[in-house]
Amino acid sequence: QVQLVESGGGLVQPGGSLRLSCAASGTMFSSYVMAWYRQAPGKQRELVAIITNGYQTNYQDSVKGRFTISRDNAKNTVDLQMNSLKPEDTDVYYCNAKRGTYMDAWGQGTLVTVSS
């Protein structure tokens, strides 16, 4: 079981930027598929971005061109750079790590609020 800790959330105005970071424990980080999810109260959790252990990336259509997911295996971190933020991006953002079919770990979440 890997431990994940998110940071970087906060309040930002529409059009602004935030960078979220997720730090993972352990020695197997480079083998994980890492992802960012988000969930607003009363709504379903949704995948925002994913990056594989081979550095392949995919994004939800609503964030393409605005968000960038990256990973640094030397630091055991995965980041989500969020630009041109919109009020509808307001959510709790969760870091997720998967390895095969036997490991599925989640961070505690970090709140992103986009409001003027």
Protein backbone atom coordinates (compact mmCIF):
# COMPACT_ATOMS: atom_id res chain seq x y z
CA GLN A 1 0.00 0.00 0.00
CA VAL A 2 1.43 3.34 -1.08
CA GLN A 3 0.71 6.58 0.77
CA LEU A 4 -0.20 9.63 -1.29
CA VAL A 5 -0.21 13.23 -0.09
CA GLU A 6 -1.60 16.05 -2.24
CA SER A 7 -0.72 19.71 -1.94
CA GLY A 8 -1.16 22.95 -3.84
CA GLY A 9 -4.89 23.47 -3.69
CA GLY A 10 -6.43 26.79 -2.81
CA LEU A 11 -8.49 29.73 -4.01
CA VAL A 12 -7.81 31.23 -7.42
CA GLN A 13 -9.63 33.66 -9.68
CA PRO A 14 -11.04 32.57 -13.04
CA GLY A 15 -8.29 32.57 -15.62
CA GLY A 16 -5.65 31.93 -13.02
CA SER A 17 -3.34 28.99 -12.48
CA LEU A 18 -2.55 26.44 -9.81
CA ARG A 19 -0.10 23.58 -9.63
CA LEU A 20 -1.08 20.51 -7.65
CA SER A 21 1.50 18.03 -6.46
CA CYS A 22 1.18 14.50 -5.16
CA ALA A 23 4.00 12.86 -3.24
CA ALA A 24 4.12 9.08 -2.99
CA SER A 25 5.86 6.88 -0.48
CA GLY A 26 7.81 3.73 -1.18
CA THR A 27 10.19 2.50 -3.81
CA MET A 28 7.87 1.36 -6.60
CA PHE A 29 6.68 4.74 -7.87
CA SER A 30 8.12 4.37 -11.36
CA SER A 31 5.92 1.32 -11.96
CA TYR A 32 2.65 3.04 -11.04
CA VAL A 33 0.04 4.49 -13.32
CA MET A 34 -0.73 7.88 -11.77
CA ALA A 35 -3.86 9.93 -12.20
CA TRP A 36 -5.74 12.96 -10.95
CA TYR A 37 -9.45 12.74 -10.28
CA ARG A 38 -11.89 15.37 -9.06
CA GLN A 39 -15.24 15.32 -7.34
CA ALA A 40 -17.71 18.03 -6.41
CA PRO A 41 -20.38 17.55 -3.73
CA GLY A 42 -23.30 15.56 -5.08
CA LYS A 43 -21.49 14.69 -8.29
CA GLN A 44 -19.64 11.65 -9.56
CA ARG A 45 -15.90 11.36 -9.32
CA GLU A 46 -14.31 11.94 -12.70
CA LEU A 47 -10.93 11.28 -14.18
CA VAL A 48 -9.08 14.49 -15.02
CA ALA A 49 -5.74 13.27 -16.30
CA ILE A 50 -3.63 10.14 -16.30
CA ILE A 51 0.02 9.39 -16.91
CA THR A 52 1.36 5.88 -17.30
CA ASN A 53 4.66 4.44 -16.20
CA GLY A 54 5.70 4.92 -19.83
CA TYR A 55 4.83 8.65 -19.70
CA GLN A 56 1.76 8.34 -21.91
CA THR A 57 -0.90 10.90 -21.01
CA ASN A 58 -4.62 11.30 -21.48
CA TYR A 59 -6.98 14.08 -20.43
CA GLN A 60 -10.64 14.66 -19.94
CA ASP A 61 -11.94 16.66 -22.88
CA SER A 62 -12.93 19.61 -20.70
CA VAL A 63 -9.34 20.18 -19.54
CA LYS A 64 -7.42 19.47 -22.73
CA GLY A 65 -5.16 22.36 -23.61
CA ARG A 66 -5.45 23.82 -20.12
CA PHE A 67 -4.12 21.12 -17.77
CA THR A 68 -0.86 19.22 -17.96
CA ILE A 69 0.00 16.12 -15.96
CA SER A 70 3.63 15.23 -15.37
CA ARG A 71 5.66 12.92 -13.18
CA ASP A 72 9.12 12.95 -11.68
CA ASN A 73 10.13 9.43 -10.79
CA ALA A 74 13.29 10.65 -9.06
CA LYS A 75 11.13 12.65 -6.64
CA ASN A 76 8.20 10.22 -6.41
CA THR A 77 5.82 12.99 -7.45
CA VAL A 78 3.09 13.61 -9.97
CA ASP A 79 1.95 17.15 -10.71
CA LEU A 80 -1.07 18.73 -12.34
CA GLN A 81 -0.47 22.15 -13.84
CA MET A 82 -3.83 23.88 -14.20
CA ASN A 83 -4.05 26.99 -16.36
CA SER A 84 -6.97 29.12 -17.51
CA LEU A 85 -9.03 27.89 -14.61
CA LYS A 86 -12.80 28.13 -14.77
CA PRO A 87 -15.41 28.12 -11.99
CA GLU A 88 -16.51 24.66 -13.12
CA ASP A 89 -13.04 23.38 -12.22
CA THR A 90 -13.93 23.88 -8.55
CA ASP A 91 -13.63 20.45 -6.98
CA VAL A 92 -11.74 18.33 -4.53
CA TYR A 93 -8.85 16.86 -6.48
CA TYR A 94 -7.55 13.40 -5.62
CA CYS A 95 -4.30 11.72 -6.51
CA ASN A 96 -4.54 8.06 -7.52
CA ALA A 97 -1.94 5.34 -7.99
CA LYS A 98 -2.52 1.97 -9.59
CA ARG A 99 -0.26 -0.99 -10.20
CA GLY A 100 -1.64 -3.97 -12.03
CA THR A 101 -4.90 -5.22 -10.58
CA TYR A 102 -3.79 -5.45 -6.97
CA MET A 103 -2.93 -1.91 -5.91
CA ASP A 104 -5.25 1.09 -5.99
CA ALA A 105 -4.34 3.93 -3.63
CA TRP A 106 -5.83 7.37 -3.04
CA GLY A 107 -4.69 10.58 -1.43
CA GLN A 108 -6.77 12.58 1.01
CA GLY A 109 -7.78 15.21 -1.53
CA THR A 110 -7.02 18.89 -1.94
CA LEU A 111 -9.65 21.55 -2.55
CA VAL A 112 -9.45 23.81 -5.59
CA THR A 113 -11.82 26.75 -5.61
CA VAL A 114 -12.09 28.95 -8.69
CA SER A 115 -14.12 32.03 -7.90
CA SER A 116 -14.13 35.78 -8.36
